[in-house]
Amino acid sequence: KDKFLGDTKYFVSSIGFFHTLDLRDSPVVPTRGLILGQTFEVATNGIGSEIELFRTTERASYFIPIGKTLLEFGARAGLVRPLDKSTGDITAIPIDERFFNGGSTTVRSFGERDLGPHDHRGHPLGGEFYTVFNVEYTFPLYGELQGAVFFDAGNLLPDADNPGFDDMRYAIGAGL
Protein backbone atom coordinates (compact mmCIF):
# COMPACT_ATOMS: atom_id res chain seq x y z
CA LYS A 1 0.00 0.00 0.00
CA ASP A 2 1.36 3.44 -0.90
CA LYS A 3 1.82 5.56 2.22
CA PHE A 4 0.53 8.70 0.44
CA LEU A 5 -2.89 7.32 -0.53
CA GLY A 6 -4.61 7.66 2.83
CA ASP A 7 -7.61 5.42 3.50
CA THR A 8 -8.51 3.35 0.45
CA LYS A 9 -11.68 1.77 1.86
CA TYR A 10 -14.11 4.19 3.43
CA PHE A 11 -17.68 5.42 3.30
CA VAL A 12 -18.41 9.11 2.83
CA SER A 13 -21.73 10.62 3.80
CA SER A 14 -21.93 14.36 3.31
CA ILE A 15 -24.36 17.21 3.23
CA GLY A 16 -23.89 20.39 1.31
CA PHE A 17 -25.33 23.05 -0.89
CA PHE A 18 -24.40 25.04 -3.93
CA HIS A 19 -25.58 28.24 -5.48
CA THR A 20 -25.08 29.65 -8.95
CA LEU A 21 -25.81 32.98 -10.57
CA ASP A 22 -25.82 32.44 -14.32
CA LEU A 23 -26.23 35.55 -16.47
CA ARG A 24 -24.73 34.08 -19.66
CA ASP A 25 -26.66 34.20 -22.91
CA SER A 26 -26.06 30.45 -23.43
CA PRO A 27 -24.92 27.74 -21.00
CA VAL A 28 -23.30 25.74 -23.85
CA VAL A 29 -21.59 28.36 -26.05
CA PRO A 30 -21.76 31.69 -24.23
CA THR A 31 -21.00 34.88 -26.15
CA ARG A 32 -21.58 37.28 -23.27
CA GLY A 33 -22.38 37.29 -19.59
CA LEU A 34 -21.25 36.23 -16.17
CA ILE A 35 -21.46 33.07 -14.10
CA LEU A 36 -20.68 32.82 -10.38
CA GLY A 37 -20.89 29.66 -8.31
CA GLN A 38 -19.95 28.28 -4.93
CA THR A 39 -20.28 24.91 -3.22
CA PHE A 40 -20.07 23.88 0.44
CA GLU A 41 -19.92 20.29 1.69
CA VAL A 42 -19.40 18.67 5.11
CA ALA A 43 -18.86 14.97 5.81
CA THR A 44 -19.13 13.97 9.48
CA ASN A 45 -19.54 10.91 11.65
CA GLY A 46 -22.87 12.40 12.78
CA ILE A 47 -24.39 11.58 9.38
CA GLY A 48 -22.64 8.23 8.96
CA SER A 49 -19.38 9.22 7.29
CA GLU A 50 -16.21 7.28 8.10
CA ILE A 51 -14.08 10.31 7.23
CA GLU A 52 -14.71 13.89 8.32
CA LEU A 53 -13.99 16.80 6.02
CA PHE A 54 -15.09 20.23 4.87
CA ARG A 55 -14.88 21.20 1.17
CA THR A 56 -15.70 24.42 -0.66
CA THR A 57 -15.20 25.54 -4.26
CA GLU A 58 -15.73 28.86 -6.00
CA ARG A 59 -16.01 29.79 -9.68
CA ALA A 60 -16.37 33.01 -11.64
CA SER A 61 -16.31 33.50 -15.42
CA TYR A 62 -16.95 36.65 -17.41
CA PHE A 63 -17.52 36.69 -21.18
CA ILE A 64 -17.00 39.90 -23.19
CA PRO A 65 -17.94 40.02 -26.88
CA ILE A 66 -15.62 42.08 -29.07
CA GLY A 67 -17.14 42.17 -32.54
CA LYS A 68 -17.13 38.54 -33.75
CA THR A 69 -14.54 37.56 -31.14
CA LEU A 70 -14.82 36.72 -27.45
CA LEU A 71 -12.67 37.50 -24.43
CA GLU A 72 -13.20 35.27 -21.39
CA PHE A 73 -11.83 35.69 -17.86
CA GLY A 74 -12.14 32.81 -15.41
CA ALA A 75 -11.13 32.07 -11.83
CA ARG A 76 -11.65 28.98 -9.67
CA ALA A 77 -10.46 27.94 -6.24
CA GLY A 78 -11.12 25.11 -3.85
CA LEU A 79 -10.27 24.09 -0.31
CA VAL A 80 -10.75 20.74 1.41
CA ARG A 81 -9.62 20.07 4.95
CA PRO A 82 -10.03 17.28 7.47
CA LEU A 83 -12.18 18.02 10.50
CA ASP A 84 -10.55 15.52 12.84
CA LYS A 85 -6.85 15.41 11.81
CA SER A 86 -3.99 17.78 11.08
CA THR A 87 -3.85 19.17 7.54
CA GLY A 88 -0.07 18.74 7.69
CA ASP A 89 -0.62 14.99 7.17
CA ILE A 90 -1.37 14.47 3.47
CA THR A 91 -3.10 11.16 4.26
CA ALA A 92 -5.69 12.93 6.44
CA ILE A 93 -7.78 13.28 3.26
CA PRO A 94 -7.98 10.09 1.12
CA ILE A 95 -6.51 10.58 -2.36
CA ASP A 96 -9.95 10.25 -4.01
CA GLU A 97 -11.22 13.24 -2.00
CA ARG A 98 -8.24 15.55 -2.74
CA PHE A 99 -8.13 18.13 -5.51
CA PHE A 100 -6.03 17.71 -8.65
CA ASN A 101 -4.95 20.34 -11.15
CA GLY A 102 -3.57 20.39 -14.67
CA GLY A 103 -5.09 19.32 -17.95
CA SER A 104 -7.50 20.45 -20.64
CA THR A 105 -10.01 22.14 -18.30
CA THR A 106 -7.58 23.74 -15.82
CA VAL A 107 -3.95 24.79 -16.42
CA ARG A 108 -3.56 23.51 -19.98
CA SER A 109 0.25 23.30 -20.23
CA PHE A 110 0.25 20.45 -17.69
CA GLY A 111 -0.91 16.89 -18.23
CA GLU A 112 -4.14 15.73 -16.60
CA ARG A 113 -3.75 15.92 -12.79
CA ASP A 114 -0.01 16.63 -13.16
CA LEU A 115 0.31 20.09 -11.56
CA GLY A 116 1.16 19.88 -7.87
CA PRO A 117 2.91 17.53 -5.47
CA HIS A 118 4.13 14.09 -6.59
CA ASP A 119 5.47 11.05 -4.75
CA HIS A 120 9.01 9.71 -5.24
CA ARG A 121 7.87 7.74 -8.32
CA GLY A 122 6.32 10.81 -9.98
CA HIS A 123 2.67 9.96 -9.28
CA PRO A 124 0.40 12.97 -8.51
CA LEU A 125 -0.68 13.16 -4.86
CA GLY A 126 -3.38 15.82 -5.10
CA GLY A 127 -3.79 18.59 -2.59
CA GLU A 128 -6.06 20.46 -0.23
CA PHE A 129 -6.07 23.87 -1.95
CA TYR A 130 -6.06 24.87 -5.61
CA THR A 131 -6.46 27.90 -7.85
CA VAL A 132 -7.01 28.21 -11.60
CA PHE A 133 -7.02 31.49 -13.53
CA ASN A 134 -7.71 31.66 -17.28
CA VAL A 135 -7.82 34.39 -19.90
CA GLU A 136 -8.87 33.25 -23.38
CA TYR A 137 -9.43 35.12 -26.62
CA THR A 138 -11.53 33.24 -29.20
CA PHE A 139 -11.88 34.28 -32.83
CA PRO A 140 -13.52 32.86 -35.99
CA LEU A 141 -11.29 31.15 -38.56
CA TYR A 142 -13.57 29.56 -41.17
CA GLY A 143 -17.27 28.75 -40.90
CA GLU A 144 -17.85 27.30 -37.44
CA LEU A 145 -14.13 26.69 -36.86
CA GLN A 146 -12.68 28.96 -34.18
CA GLY A 147 -9.18 29.63 -32.94
CA ALA A 148 -8.14 30.61 -29.44
CA VAL A 149 -5.13 31.93 -27.59
CA PHE A 150 -4.97 31.61 -23.83
CA PHE A 151 -3.04 32.37 -20.67
CA ASP A 152 -3.54 30.03 -17.71
CA ALA A 153 -2.19 30.15 -14.17
CA GLY A 154 -2.78 27.97 -11.15
CA ASN A 155 -1.43 26.03 -8.23
CA LEU A 156 -2.15 23.01 -6.06
CA LEU A 157 -0.96 23.05 -2.46
CA PRO A 158 -0.85 20.00 -0.19
CA ASP A 159 -1.80 21.89 2.99
CA ALA A 160 -5.14 23.67 3.56
CA ASP A 161 -3.75 25.52 6.58
CA ASN A 162 -1.73 27.80 4.32
CA PRO A 163 -3.90 28.56 1.27
CA GLY A 164 -2.48 31.15 -1.07
CA PHE A 165 -0.70 31.77 -4.31
CA ASP A 166 2.53 29.92 -3.55
CA ASP A 167 4.05 27.86 -6.34
CA MET A 168 1.91 29.37 -9.12
CA ARG A 169 2.48 27.82 -12.54
CA TYR A 170 1.79 29.56 -15.84
CA ALA A 171 0.94 28.60 -19.40
CA ILE A 172 0.32 30.26 -22.73
CA GLY A 173 -0.96 28.49 -25.78
CA ALA A 174 -3.26 28.32 -28.76
CA GLY A 175 -5.95 25.95 -29.89
CA LEU A 176 -8.78 25.24 -32.34
C-alpha atoms as a PDB file:
ATOM      1  CA  LYS A   1       0.000   0.000   0.000  1.00  0.00           C
ATOM      2  CA  ASP A   2       1.365   3.440  -0.899  1.00  0.00           C
ATOM      3  CA  LYS A   3       1.816   5.557   2.217  1.00  0.00           C
ATOM      4  CA  PHE A   4       0.530   8.702   0.443  1.00  0.00           C
ATOM      5  CA  LEU A   5      -2.893   7.319  -0.532  1.00  0.00           C
ATOM      6  CA  GLY A   6      -4.615   7.662   2.825  1.00  0.00           C
ATOM      7  CA  ASP A   7      -7.610   5.425   3.502  1.00  0.00           C
ATOM      8  CA  THR A   8      -8.509   3.355   0.450  1.00  0.00           C
ATOM      9  CA  LYS A   9     -11.684   1.775   1.856  1.00  0.00           C
ATOM     10  CA  TYR A  10     -14.106   4.188   3.430  1.00  0.00           C
ATOM     11  CA  PHE A  11     -17.677   5.416   3.300  1.00  0.00           C
ATOM     12  CA  VAL A  12     -18.413   9.108   2.828  1.00  0.00           C
ATOM     13  CA  SER A  13     -21.731  10.621   3.802  1.00  0.00           C
ATOM     14  CA  SER A  14     -21.930  14.365   3.308  1.00  0.00           C
ATOM     15  CA  ILE A  15     -24.355  17.208   3.234  1.00  0.00           C
ATOM     16  CA  GLY A  16     -23.888  20.393   1.308  1.00  0.00           C
ATOM     17  CA  PHE A  17     -25.333  23.054  -0.888  1.00  0.00           C
ATOM     18  CA  PHE A  18     -24.401  25.043  -3.926  1.00  0.00           C
ATOM     19  CA  HIS A  19     -25.584  28.237  -5.478  1.00  0.00           C
ATOM     20  CA  THR A  20     -25.081  29.652  -8.947  1.00  0.00           C
ATOM     21  CA  LEU A  21     -25.807  32.977 -10.568  1.00  0.00           C
ATOM     22  CA  ASP A  22     -25.817  32.439 -14.322  1.00  0.00           C
ATOM     23  CA  LEU A  23     -26.232  35.550 -16.465  1.00  0.00           C
ATOM     24  CA  ARG A  24     -24.729  34.079 -19.658  1.00  0.00           C
ATOM     25  CA  ASP A  25     -26.662  34.196 -22.908  1.00  0.00           C
ATOM     26  CA  SER A  26     -26.056  30.447 -23.429  1.00  0.00           C
ATOM     27  CA  PRO A  27     -24.916  27.736 -20.999  1.00  0.00           C
ATOM     28  CA  VAL A  28     -23.301  25.745 -23.847  1.00  0.00           C
ATOM     29  CA  VAL A  29     -21.592  28.361 -26.052  1.00  0.00           C
ATOM     30  CA  PRO A  30     -21.761  31.694 -24.233  1.00  0.00           C
ATOM     31  CA  THR A  31     -21.003  34.879 -26.152  1.00  0.00           C
ATOM     32  CA  ARG A  32     -21.575  37.277 -23.268  1.00  0.00           C
ATOM     33  CA  GLY A  33     -22.382  37.293 -19.591  1.00  0.00           C
ATOM     34  CA  LEU A  34     -21.254  36.232 -16.169  1.00  0.00           C
ATOM     35  CA  ILE A  35     -21.455  33.068 -14.097  1.00  0.00           C
ATOM     36  CA  LEU A  36     -20.679  32.823 -10.385  1.00  0.00           C
ATOM     37  CA  GLY A  37     -20.885  29.664  -8.311  1.00  0.00           C
ATOM     38  CA  GLN A  38     -19.953  28.280  -4.929  1.00  0.00           C
ATOM     39  CA  THR A  39     -20.278  24.910  -3.216  1.00  0.00           C
ATOM     40  CA  PHE A  40     -20.072  23.880   0.443  1.00  0.00           C
ATOM     41  CA  GLU A  41     -19.917  20.290   1.690  1.00  0.00           C
ATOM     42  CA  VAL A  42     -19.400  18.674   5.113  1.00  0.00           C
ATOM     43  CA  ALA A  43     -18.858  14.974   5.806  1.00  0.00           C
ATOM     44  CA  THR A  44     -19.127  13.975   9.482  1.00  0.00           C
ATOM     45  CA  ASN A  45     -19.544  10.913  11.648  1.00  0.00           C
ATOM     46  CA  GLY A  46     -22.869  12.398  12.777  1.00  0.00           C
ATOM     47  CA  ILE A  47     -24.393  11.580   9.377  1.00  0.00           C
ATOM     48  CA  GLY A  48     -22.643   8.232   8.961  1.00  0.00           C
ATOM     49  CA  SER A  49     -19.380   9.216   7.291  1.00  0.00           C
ATOM     50  CA  GLU A  50     -16.211   7.278   8.104  1.00  0.00           C
ATOM     51  CA  ILE A  51     -14.078  10.315   7.230  1.00  0.00           C
ATOM     52  CA  GLU A  52     -14.708  13.886   8.321  1.00  0.00           C
ATOM     53  CA  LEU A  53     -13.993  16.799   6.017  1.00  0.00           C
ATOM     54  CA  PHE A  54     -15.095  20.230   4.865  1.00  0.00           C
ATOM     55  CA  ARG A  55     -14.884  21.204   1.170  1.00  0.00           C
ATOM     56  CA  THR A  56     -15.696  24.423  -0.661  1.00  0.00           C
ATOM     57  CA  THR A  57     -15.199  25.537  -4.262  1.00  0.00           C
ATOM     58  CA  GLU A  58     -15.733  28.856  -6.002  1.00  0.00           C
ATOM     59  CA  ARG A  59     -16.012  29.788  -9.676  1.00  0.00           C
ATOM     60  CA  ALA A  60     -16.368  33.015 -11.638  1.00  0.00           C
ATOM     61  CA  SER A  61     -16.311  33.496 -15.421  1.00  0.00           C
ATOM     62  CA  TYR A  62     -16.950  36.651 -17.412  1.00  0.00           C
ATOM     63  CA  PHE A  63     -17.519  36.693 -21.182  1.00  0.00           C
ATOM     64  CA  ILE A  64     -17.003  39.896 -23.186  1.00  0.00           C
ATOM     65  CA  PRO A  65     -17.936  40.019 -26.884  1.00  0.00           C
ATOM     66  CA  ILE A  66     -15.616  42.080 -29.066  1.00  0.00           C
ATOM     67  CA  GLY A  67     -17.136  42.168 -32.542  1.00  0.00           C
ATOM     68  CA  LYS A  68     -17.126  38.539 -33.751  1.00  0.00           C
ATOM     69  CA  THR A  69     -14.542  37.556 -31.139  1.00  0.00           C
ATOM     70  CA  LEU A  70     -14.821  36.717 -27.452  1.00  0.00           C
ATOM     71  CA  LEU A  71     -12.666  37.501 -24.430  1.00  0.00           C
ATOM     72  CA  GLU A  72     -13.196  35.272 -21.387  1.00  0.00           C
ATOM     73  CA  PHE A  73     -11.828  35.688 -17.859  1.00  0.00           C
ATOM     74  CA  GLY A  74     -12.142  32.806 -15.407  1.00  0.00           C
ATOM     75  CA  ALA A  75     -11.129  32.075 -11.831  1.00  0.00           C
ATOM     76  CA  ARG A  76     -11.647  28.983  -9.670  1.00  0.00           C
ATOM     77  CA  ALA A  77     -10.464  27.942  -6.235  1.00  0.00           C
ATOM     78  CA  GLY A  78     -11.122  25.115  -3.848  1.00  0.00           C
ATOM     79  CA  LEU A  79     -10.266  24.091  -0.314  1.00  0.00           C
ATOM     80  CA  VAL A  80     -10.749  20.737   1.412  1.00  0.00           C
ATOM     81  CA  ARG A  81      -9.618  20.069   4.950  1.00  0.00           C
ATOM     82  CA  PRO A  82     -10.029  17.282   7.470  1.00  0.00           C
ATOM     83  CA  LEU A  83     -12.183  18.017  10.498  1.00  0.00           C
ATOM     84  CA  ASP A  84     -10.545  15.521  12.838  1.00  0.00           C
ATOM     85  CA  LYS A  85      -6.853  15.405  11.809  1.00  0.00           C
ATOM     86  CA  SER A  86      -3.992  17.777  11.078  1.00  0.00           C
ATOM     87  CA  THR A  87      -3.854  19.174   7.544  1.00  0.00           C
ATOM     88  CA  GLY A  88      -0.066  18.738   7.689  1.00  0.00           C
ATOM     89  CA  ASP A  89      -0.617  14.986   7.173  1.00  0.00           C
ATOM     90  CA  ILE A  90      -1.367  14.471   3.467  1.00  0.00           C
ATOM     91  CA  THR A  91      -3.098  11.157   4.260  1.00  0.00           C
ATOM     92  CA  ALA A  92      -5.691  12.926   6.444  1.00  0.00           C
ATOM     93  CA  ILE A  93      -7.778  13.278   3.258  1.00  0.00           C
ATOM     94  CA  PRO A  94      -7.979  10.094   1.118  1.00  0.00           C
ATOM     95  CA  ILE A  95      -6.512  10.577  -2.365  1.00  0.00           C
ATOM     96  CA  ASP A  96      -9.954  10.251  -4.008  1.00  0.00           C
ATOM     97  CA  GLU A  97     -11.219  13.245  -2.001  1.00  0.00           C
ATOM     98  CA  ARG A  98      -8.243  15.550  -2.738  1.00  0.00           C
ATOM     99  CA  PHE A  99      -8.127  18.130  -5.508  1.00  0.00           C
ATOM    100  CA  PHE A 100      -6.030  17.709  -8.651  1.00  0.00           C
ATOM    101  CA  ASN A 101      -4.948  20.341 -11.148  1.00  0.00           C
ATOM    102  CA  GLY A 102      -3.566  20.394 -14.670  1.00  0.00           C
ATOM    103  CA  GLY A 103      -5.095  19.318 -17.952  1.00  0.00           C
ATOM    104  CA  SER A 104      -7.499  20.453 -20.640  1.00  0.00           C
ATOM    105  CA  THR A 105     -10.006  22.140 -18.305  1.00  0.00           C
ATOM    106  CA  THR A 106      -7.584  23.745 -15.818  1.00  0.00           C
ATOM    107  CA  VAL A 107      -3.947  24.791 -16.421  1.00  0.00           C
ATOM    108  CA  ARG A 108      -3.556  23.512 -19.976  1.00  0.00           C
ATOM    109  CA  SER A 109       0.249  23.303 -20.229  1.00  0.00           C
ATOM    110  CA  PHE A 110       0.253  20.448 -17.693  1.00  0.00           C
ATOM    111  CA  GLY A 111      -0.906  16.888 -18.230  1.00  0.00           C
ATOM    112  CA  GLU A 112      -4.138  15.735 -16.603  1.00  0.00           C
ATOM    113  CA  ARG A 113      -3.751  15.919 -12.794  1.00  0.00           C
ATOM    114  CA  ASP A 114      -0.008  16.628 -13.163  1.00  0.00           C
ATOM    115  CA  LEU A 115       0.312  20.089 -11.565  1.00  0.00           C
ATOM    116  CA  GLY A 116       1.158  19.879  -7.872  1.00  0.00           C
ATOM    117  CA  PRO A 117       2.906  17.525  -5.469  1.00  0.00           C
ATOM    118  CA  HIS A 118       4.130  14.087  -6.590  1.00  0.00           C
ATOM    119  CA  ASP A 119       5.471  11.049  -4.749  1.00  0.00           C
ATOM    120  CA  HIS A 120       9.007   9.713  -5.239  1.00  0.00           C
ATOM    121  CA  ARG A 121       7.874   7.742  -8.324  1.00  0.00           C
ATOM    122  CA  GLY A 122       6.324  10.805  -9.981  1.00  0.00           C
ATOM    123  CA  HIS A 123       2.667   9.964  -9.281  1.00  0.00           C
ATOM    124  CA  PRO A 124       0.398  12.966  -8.508  1.00  0.00           C
ATOM    125  CA  LEU A 125      -0.679  13.159  -4.861  1.00  0.00           C
ATOM    126  CA  GLY A 126      -3.381  15.818  -5.096  1.00  0.00           C
ATOM    127  CA  GLY A 127      -3.791  18.590  -2.592  1.00  0.00           C
ATOM    128  CA  GLU A 128      -6.064  20.456  -0.232  1.00  0.00           C
ATOM    129  CA  PHE A 129      -6.069  23.874  -1.949  1.00  0.00           C
ATOM    130  CA  TYR A 130      -6.065  24.871  -5.614  1.00  0.00           C
ATOM    131  CA  THR A 131      -6.460  27.901  -7.849  1.00  0.00           C
ATOM    132  CA  VAL A 132      -7.013  28.214 -11.599  1.00  0.00           C
ATOM    133  CA  PHE A 133      -7.021  31.490 -13.532  1.00  0.00           C
ATOM    134  CA  ASN A 134      -7.705  31.659 -17.279  1.00  0.00           C
ATOM    135  CA  VAL A 135      -7.815  34.392 -19.904  1.00  0.00           C
ATOM    136  CA  GLU A 136      -8.867  33.255 -23.377  1.00  0.00           C
ATOM    137  CA  TYR A 137      -9.426  35.119 -26.624  1.00  0.00           C
ATOM    138  CA  THR A 138     -11.532  33.236 -29.195  1.00  0.00           C
ATOM    139  CA  PHE A 139     -11.878  34.278 -32.834  1.00  0.00           C
ATOM    140  CA  PRO A 140     -13.522  32.857 -35.987  1.00  0.00           C
ATOM    141  CA  LEU A 141     -11.292  31.150 -38.563  1.00  0.00           C
ATOM    142  CA  TYR A 142     -13.565  29.559 -41.167  1.00  0.00           C
ATOM    143  CA  GLY A 143     -17.267  28.755 -40.902  1.00  0.00           C
ATOM    144  CA  GLU A 144     -17.852  27.299 -37.444  1.00  0.00           C
ATOM    145  CA  LEU A 145     -14.130  26.687 -36.855  1.00  0.00           C
ATOM    146  CA  GLN A 146     -12.678  28.961 -34.185  1.00  0.00           C
ATOM    147  CA  GLY A 147      -9.181  29.632 -32.938  1.00  0.00           C
ATOM    148  CA  ALA A 148      -8.145  30.607 -29.437  1.00  0.00           C
ATOM    149  CA  VAL A 149      -5.131  31.932 -27.593  1.00  0.00           C
ATOM    150  CA  PHE A 150      -4.967  31.612 -23.830  1.00  0.00           C
ATOM    151  CA  PHE A 151      -3.043  32.369 -20.665  1.00  0.00           C
ATOM    152  CA  ASP A 152      -3.542  30.027 -17.707  1.00  0.00           C
ATOM    153  CA  ALA A 153      -2.187  30.145 -14.171  1.00  0.00           C
ATOM    154  CA  GLY A 154      -2.781  27.970 -11.151  1.00  0.00           C
ATOM    155  CA  ASN A 155      -1.433  26.029  -8.227  1.00  0.00           C
ATOM    156  CA  LEU A 156      -2.150  23.011  -6.056  1.00  0.00           C
ATOM    157  CA  LEU A 157      -0.959  23.049  -2.463  1.00  0.00           C
ATOM    158  CA  PRO A 158      -0.848  19.998  -0.194  1.00  0.00           C
ATOM    159  CA  ASP A 159      -1.800  21.894   2.992  1.00  0.00           C
ATOM    160  CA  ALA A 160      -5.138  23.671   3.560  1.00  0.00           C
ATOM    161  CA  ASP A 161      -3.752  25.520   6.585  1.00  0.00           C
ATOM    162  CA  ASN A 162      -1.726  27.800   4.318  1.00  0.00           C
ATOM    163  CA  PRO A 163      -3.899  28.562   1.267  1.00  0.00           C
ATOM    164  CA  GLY A 164      -2.483  31.153  -1.070  1.00  0.00           C
ATOM    165  CA  PHE A 165      -0.698  31.774  -4.308  1.00  0.00           C
ATOM    166  CA  ASP A 166       2.527  29.923  -3.546  1.00  0.00           C
ATOM    167  CA  ASP A 167       4.046  27.862  -6.345  1.00  0.00           C
ATOM    168  CA  MET A 168       1.915  29.371  -9.119  1.00  0.00           C
ATOM    169  CA  ARG A 169       2.484  27.820 -12.541  1.00  0.00           C
ATOM    170  CA  TYR A 170       1.788  29.562 -15.843  1.00  0.00           C
ATOM    171  CA  ALA A 171       0.939  28.598 -19.396  1.00  0.00           C
ATOM    172  CA  ILE A 172       0.317  30.256 -22.733  1.00  0.00           C
ATOM    173  CA  GLY A 173      -0.963  28.492 -25.783  1.00  0.00           C
ATOM    174  CA  ALA A 174      -3.258  28.318 -28.763  1.00  0.00           C
ATOM    175  CA  GLY A 175      -5.950  25.945 -29.886  1.00  0.00           C
ATOM    176  CA  LEU A 176      -8.783  25.240 -32.335  1.00  0.00           C
END
